[in-house]
N, C-alpha and C. Protein backbone atom coordinates (compact mmCIF):
# COMPACT_ATOMS: atom_id res chain seq x y z
N MET A 1 -41.96 -2.28 44.93
CA MET A 1 -42.97 -1.37 44.46
C MET A 1 -42.43 0.04 44.58
N GLY A 2 -42.62 0.87 43.55
CA GLY A 2 -42.12 2.23 43.54
C GLY A 2 -43.17 3.23 44.03
N PHE A 3 -42.68 4.40 44.35
CA PHE A 3 -43.56 5.48 44.80
C PHE A 3 -43.65 6.54 43.71
N ILE A 4 -44.80 7.12 43.55
CA ILE A 4 -44.99 8.22 42.63
C ILE A 4 -45.19 9.48 43.47
N LEU A 5 -44.31 10.43 43.27
CA LEU A 5 -44.38 11.68 44.02
C LEU A 5 -45.01 12.75 43.13
N THR A 6 -46.05 13.33 43.59
CA THR A 6 -46.67 14.42 42.84
C THR A 6 -46.56 15.69 43.67
N MET A 7 -46.34 16.79 42.98
CA MET A 7 -46.23 18.07 43.66
C MET A 7 -47.34 18.98 43.19
N SER A 8 -47.85 19.73 44.10
CA SER A 8 -48.90 20.67 43.77
C SER A 8 -48.51 22.02 44.37
N THR A 9 -48.57 23.04 43.56
CA THR A 9 -48.26 24.39 44.03
C THR A 9 -49.54 25.19 44.05
N MET A 10 -49.78 25.84 45.17
CA MET A 10 -50.96 26.69 45.27
C MET A 10 -50.52 28.15 45.14
N TYR A 11 -51.27 28.92 44.39
CA TYR A 11 -50.96 30.32 44.18
C TYR A 11 -52.07 31.17 44.78
N LYS A 12 -51.66 32.26 45.35
CA LYS A 12 -52.63 33.20 45.88
C LYS A 12 -52.54 34.47 45.04
N HIS A 13 -53.65 34.88 44.47
CA HIS A 13 -53.67 36.09 43.66
C HIS A 13 -53.71 37.30 44.58
N THR A 14 -52.77 38.21 44.37
CA THR A 14 -52.72 39.44 45.15
C THR A 14 -52.75 40.61 44.19
N GLU A 15 -53.65 41.52 44.43
CA GLU A 15 -53.72 42.70 43.58
C GLU A 15 -52.94 43.83 44.22
N ALA A 16 -52.10 44.46 43.43
CA ALA A 16 -51.30 45.58 43.92
C ALA A 16 -51.67 46.83 43.15
N ASN A 17 -51.65 47.95 43.83
CA ASN A 17 -51.92 49.23 43.19
C ASN A 17 -50.70 50.13 43.32
N ILE A 18 -50.39 50.82 42.26
CA ILE A 18 -49.33 51.82 42.28
C ILE A 18 -49.97 53.16 41.93
N TYR A 19 -49.71 54.15 42.77
CA TYR A 19 -50.26 55.49 42.57
C TYR A 19 -49.11 56.39 42.16
N SER A 20 -49.18 56.93 40.95
CA SER A 20 -48.10 57.76 40.42
C SER A 20 -48.55 59.19 40.25
N ARG A 21 -47.58 60.08 40.37
CA ARG A 21 -47.81 61.50 40.08
C ARG A 21 -46.58 62.00 39.35
N LYS A 22 -46.79 62.56 38.18
CA LYS A 22 -45.72 63.10 37.35
C LYS A 22 -45.97 64.58 37.17
N PHE A 23 -44.92 65.39 37.29
CA PHE A 23 -45.08 66.82 37.09
C PHE A 23 -43.75 67.46 36.75
N TRP A 24 -43.84 68.69 36.26
CA TRP A 24 -42.67 69.50 35.95
C TRP A 24 -42.55 70.59 37.00
N THR A 25 -41.32 71.00 37.29
CA THR A 25 -41.08 72.12 38.17
C THR A 25 -40.04 73.02 37.51
N VAL A 26 -40.05 74.30 37.85
CA VAL A 26 -39.09 75.23 37.25
C VAL A 26 -37.75 75.22 37.98
N CYS A 27 -37.66 74.57 39.11
CA CYS A 27 -36.39 74.47 39.83
C CYS A 27 -35.48 73.46 39.12
N THR A 28 -34.24 73.86 38.85
CA THR A 28 -33.27 72.94 38.22
C THR A 28 -31.98 72.82 39.03
N GLU A 29 -31.94 73.39 40.21
CA GLU A 29 -30.73 73.35 41.05
C GLU A 29 -30.65 72.02 41.80
N PRO A 30 -29.64 71.19 41.50
CA PRO A 30 -29.55 69.86 42.11
C PRO A 30 -29.63 69.85 43.64
N GLU A 31 -28.87 70.71 44.29
CA GLU A 31 -28.85 70.69 45.76
C GLU A 31 -30.21 71.07 46.34
N GLU A 32 -30.83 72.07 45.75
CA GLU A 32 -32.15 72.50 46.22
C GLU A 32 -33.20 71.41 46.01
N LEU A 33 -33.17 70.78 44.84
CA LEU A 33 -34.10 69.68 44.56
C LEU A 33 -33.89 68.53 45.54
N ARG A 34 -32.64 68.11 45.68
CA ARG A 34 -32.32 66.98 46.56
C ARG A 34 -32.75 67.26 48.00
N ASN A 35 -32.37 68.43 48.52
CA ASN A 35 -32.69 68.75 49.91
C ASN A 35 -34.19 68.87 50.15
N THR A 36 -34.88 69.56 49.26
CA THR A 36 -36.32 69.77 49.44
C THR A 36 -37.09 68.46 49.34
N PHE A 37 -36.83 67.69 48.30
CA PHE A 37 -37.59 66.46 48.11
C PHE A 37 -37.27 65.42 49.19
N GLU A 38 -36.02 65.34 49.61
CA GLU A 38 -35.69 64.38 50.67
C GLU A 38 -36.33 64.78 51.99
N ARG A 39 -36.33 66.07 52.30
CA ARG A 39 -36.97 66.54 53.53
C ARG A 39 -38.46 66.18 53.54
N VAL A 40 -39.14 66.40 52.41
CA VAL A 40 -40.57 66.11 52.35
C VAL A 40 -40.82 64.60 52.38
N LEU A 41 -39.98 63.80 51.74
CA LEU A 41 -40.12 62.34 51.85
C LEU A 41 -40.08 61.91 53.31
N LYS A 42 -39.15 62.48 54.07
CA LYS A 42 -39.02 62.13 55.49
C LYS A 42 -40.21 62.64 56.30
N GLU A 43 -40.69 63.85 56.00
CA GLU A 43 -41.85 64.41 56.71
C GLU A 43 -43.08 63.53 56.54
N VAL A 44 -43.24 62.97 55.34
CA VAL A 44 -44.40 62.14 55.04
C VAL A 44 -44.20 60.71 55.54
N ASP A 45 -43.00 60.41 55.98
CA ASP A 45 -42.66 59.09 56.54
C ASP A 45 -42.51 58.00 55.48
N PHE A 46 -42.02 58.38 54.29
CA PHE A 46 -41.64 57.37 53.32
C PHE A 46 -40.39 56.67 53.84
N THR A 47 -40.22 55.41 53.49
CA THR A 47 -39.04 54.64 53.89
C THR A 47 -37.98 54.77 52.81
N ILE A 48 -36.92 55.53 53.08
CA ILE A 48 -35.84 55.70 52.10
C ILE A 48 -34.88 54.52 52.24
N VAL A 49 -34.80 53.73 51.17
CA VAL A 49 -33.92 52.56 51.15
C VAL A 49 -32.57 52.94 50.57
N LEU A 50 -32.58 53.77 49.51
CA LEU A 50 -31.36 54.11 48.80
C LEU A 50 -31.55 55.43 48.07
N PHE A 51 -30.47 56.21 47.98
CA PHE A 51 -30.47 57.43 47.17
C PHE A 51 -29.28 57.35 46.23
N ASN A 52 -29.47 57.79 44.98
CA ASN A 52 -28.36 57.85 44.04
C ASN A 52 -28.57 59.06 43.13
N GLU A 53 -27.45 59.61 42.64
CA GLU A 53 -27.53 60.79 41.79
C GLU A 53 -26.40 60.79 40.78
N HIS A 54 -26.61 61.56 39.70
CA HIS A 54 -25.58 61.70 38.68
C HIS A 54 -25.63 63.12 38.12
N HIS A 55 -24.47 63.77 38.09
CA HIS A 55 -24.32 65.10 37.49
C HIS A 55 -23.73 64.89 36.10
N PHE A 56 -24.42 65.34 35.07
CA PHE A 56 -23.92 65.19 33.71
C PHE A 56 -22.83 66.22 33.43
N THR A 57 -21.88 65.87 32.57
CA THR A 57 -20.71 66.69 32.31
C THR A 57 -21.06 68.10 31.84
N ALA A 58 -21.80 68.21 30.77
CA ALA A 58 -22.13 69.54 30.24
C ALA A 58 -23.13 70.26 31.15
N GLN A 59 -24.24 69.63 31.37
CA GLN A 59 -25.27 70.17 32.25
C GLN A 59 -26.31 69.09 32.49
N GLY A 60 -27.08 69.27 33.52
CA GLY A 60 -28.13 68.31 33.82
C GLY A 60 -27.80 67.45 35.02
N TYR A 61 -28.84 66.91 35.59
CA TYR A 61 -28.73 66.16 36.83
C TYR A 61 -29.89 65.19 36.88
N THR A 62 -29.63 64.01 37.40
CA THR A 62 -30.70 63.05 37.64
C THR A 62 -30.46 62.39 38.98
N CYS A 63 -31.53 62.10 39.69
CA CYS A 63 -31.40 61.42 40.97
C CYS A 63 -32.66 60.61 41.22
N PHE A 64 -32.51 59.64 42.13
CA PHE A 64 -33.69 58.86 42.51
C PHE A 64 -33.54 58.37 43.94
N TRP A 65 -34.69 58.19 44.56
CA TRP A 65 -34.79 57.58 45.87
C TRP A 65 -35.53 56.26 45.69
N LEU A 66 -34.92 55.18 46.09
CA LEU A 66 -35.61 53.91 46.14
C LEU A 66 -36.31 53.89 47.49
N LEU A 67 -37.61 53.73 47.46
CA LEU A 67 -38.42 53.79 48.68
C LEU A 67 -38.97 52.41 49.01
N GLY A 68 -39.23 52.18 50.26
CA GLY A 68 -39.91 50.95 50.65
C GLY A 68 -41.28 50.86 50.00
N GLU A 69 -41.82 52.02 49.62
CA GLU A 69 -43.14 52.10 49.00
C GLU A 69 -43.07 52.29 47.49
N SER A 70 -41.92 52.35 46.88
CA SER A 70 -41.67 52.42 45.44
C SER A 70 -40.49 53.34 45.14
N HIS A 71 -40.69 54.49 44.45
CA HIS A 71 -39.55 55.34 44.11
C HIS A 71 -39.96 56.77 43.76
N LEU A 72 -38.96 57.66 43.82
CA LEU A 72 -39.09 59.05 43.37
C LEU A 72 -37.89 59.33 42.48
N ALA A 73 -38.13 59.90 41.30
CA ALA A 73 -37.04 60.22 40.37
C ALA A 73 -37.18 61.67 39.91
N ILE A 74 -36.02 62.33 39.73
CA ILE A 74 -35.98 63.71 39.24
C ILE A 74 -34.95 63.78 38.12
N HIS A 75 -35.32 64.44 37.03
CA HIS A 75 -34.41 64.65 35.90
C HIS A 75 -34.48 66.13 35.53
N THR A 76 -33.32 66.81 35.55
CA THR A 76 -33.32 68.24 35.22
C THR A 76 -33.03 68.46 33.74
N PHE A 77 -33.59 69.53 33.22
CA PHE A 77 -33.36 69.98 31.86
C PHE A 77 -33.05 71.48 31.93
N PRO A 78 -31.83 71.84 32.38
CA PRO A 78 -31.49 73.25 32.58
C PRO A 78 -31.64 74.09 31.31
N GLU A 79 -31.38 73.49 30.16
CA GLU A 79 -31.50 74.23 28.90
C GLU A 79 -32.94 74.67 28.64
N SER A 80 -33.89 73.97 29.25
CA SER A 80 -35.31 74.32 29.12
C SER A 80 -35.86 74.99 30.37
N GLY A 81 -35.04 75.08 31.41
CA GLY A 81 -35.45 75.73 32.65
C GLY A 81 -36.50 74.95 33.42
N LYS A 82 -36.43 73.61 33.38
CA LYS A 82 -37.41 72.82 34.12
C LYS A 82 -36.85 71.46 34.49
N SER A 83 -37.53 70.81 35.42
CA SER A 83 -37.16 69.46 35.87
C SER A 83 -38.41 68.60 35.88
N TYR A 84 -38.21 67.33 35.53
CA TYR A 84 -39.30 66.36 35.52
C TYR A 84 -39.22 65.54 36.80
N VAL A 85 -40.36 65.38 37.46
CA VAL A 85 -40.42 64.66 38.74
C VAL A 85 -41.48 63.58 38.61
N GLU A 86 -41.15 62.38 39.10
CA GLU A 86 -42.14 61.30 39.11
C GLU A 86 -42.05 60.54 40.43
N LEU A 87 -43.18 60.48 41.12
CA LEU A 87 -43.30 59.71 42.35
C LEU A 87 -44.26 58.56 42.10
N SER A 88 -43.84 57.36 42.41
CA SER A 88 -44.71 56.19 42.36
C SER A 88 -44.73 55.58 43.75
N SER A 89 -45.92 55.22 44.21
CA SER A 89 -46.05 54.69 45.56
C SER A 89 -47.22 53.72 45.64
N CYS A 90 -47.06 52.70 46.45
CA CYS A 90 -48.17 51.78 46.70
C CYS A 90 -49.06 52.31 47.83
N ASN A 91 -48.66 53.45 48.41
CA ASN A 91 -49.42 54.05 49.51
C ASN A 91 -50.01 55.37 49.02
N LYS A 92 -51.30 55.36 48.71
CA LYS A 92 -51.97 56.54 48.15
C LYS A 92 -51.99 57.70 49.15
N ILE A 93 -52.17 57.42 50.41
CA ILE A 93 -52.23 58.48 51.42
C ILE A 93 -50.89 59.23 51.49
N LYS A 94 -49.79 58.49 51.53
CA LYS A 94 -48.47 59.13 51.57
C LYS A 94 -48.20 59.89 50.27
N ARG A 95 -48.58 59.31 49.14
CA ARG A 95 -48.38 59.99 47.86
C ARG A 95 -49.13 61.31 47.83
N ASP A 96 -50.39 61.30 48.24
CA ASP A 96 -51.20 62.52 48.22
C ASP A 96 -50.65 63.57 49.18
N LEU A 97 -50.23 63.15 50.37
CA LEU A 97 -49.67 64.09 51.34
C LEU A 97 -48.35 64.67 50.83
N PHE A 98 -47.53 63.85 50.19
CA PHE A 98 -46.28 64.31 49.61
C PHE A 98 -46.55 65.41 48.58
N ILE A 99 -47.51 65.19 47.69
CA ILE A 99 -47.82 66.18 46.65
C ILE A 99 -48.34 67.48 47.27
N LEU A 100 -49.17 67.38 48.29
CA LEU A 100 -49.66 68.59 48.98
C LEU A 100 -48.51 69.38 49.59
N LYS A 101 -47.59 68.68 50.24
CA LYS A 101 -46.46 69.36 50.88
C LYS A 101 -45.50 69.95 49.85
N ILE A 102 -45.27 69.26 48.75
CA ILE A 102 -44.40 69.80 47.70
C ILE A 102 -45.04 71.03 47.07
N ALA A 103 -46.34 70.98 46.84
CA ALA A 103 -47.04 72.12 46.23
C ALA A 103 -46.99 73.36 47.13
N ALA A 104 -46.82 73.16 48.43
CA ALA A 104 -46.77 74.27 49.38
C ALA A 104 -45.37 74.89 49.50
N GLN A 105 -44.37 74.27 48.89
CA GLN A 105 -43.00 74.78 48.96
C GLN A 105 -42.87 76.03 48.10
N THR A 106 -42.21 77.04 48.62
CA THR A 106 -42.06 78.28 47.85
C THR A 106 -40.98 78.15 46.78
N ASN A 107 -40.03 77.24 46.97
CA ASN A 107 -38.93 77.10 46.00
C ASN A 107 -39.23 76.08 44.90
N ILE A 108 -40.32 75.35 45.02
CA ILE A 108 -40.69 74.34 44.03
C ILE A 108 -42.10 74.67 43.53
N SER A 109 -42.20 75.07 42.28
CA SER A 109 -43.54 75.33 41.74
C SER A 109 -43.87 74.22 40.75
N ILE A 110 -45.01 73.60 40.96
CA ILE A 110 -45.45 72.51 40.10
C ILE A 110 -46.12 73.09 38.87
N ALA A 111 -45.59 72.74 37.72
CA ALA A 111 -46.15 73.24 36.46
C ALA A 111 -47.17 72.27 35.91
């Protein structure tokens, strides 16, 4: 007599929220952007998993922080005198505190 093996998989539905904030700043200096944003990420206690950056040949800079809570990316447009910043986080409290602290920086003005 043979055996019939049946498998059943149970799934649990989990809802996730991502809180994003996108803005422009007039700062386009790579070192200033990197230092300021990384300092504030640490002050707010984001978990920095990885940082990477690229300097474009003619002009421009892009960088990102992979966070335990999602990511932060910056793209400069020196020819336009501005940089695009996007923070995505699953932690709304940290995201909101980060934005408050960045807005208080004298070298970074949120447009």
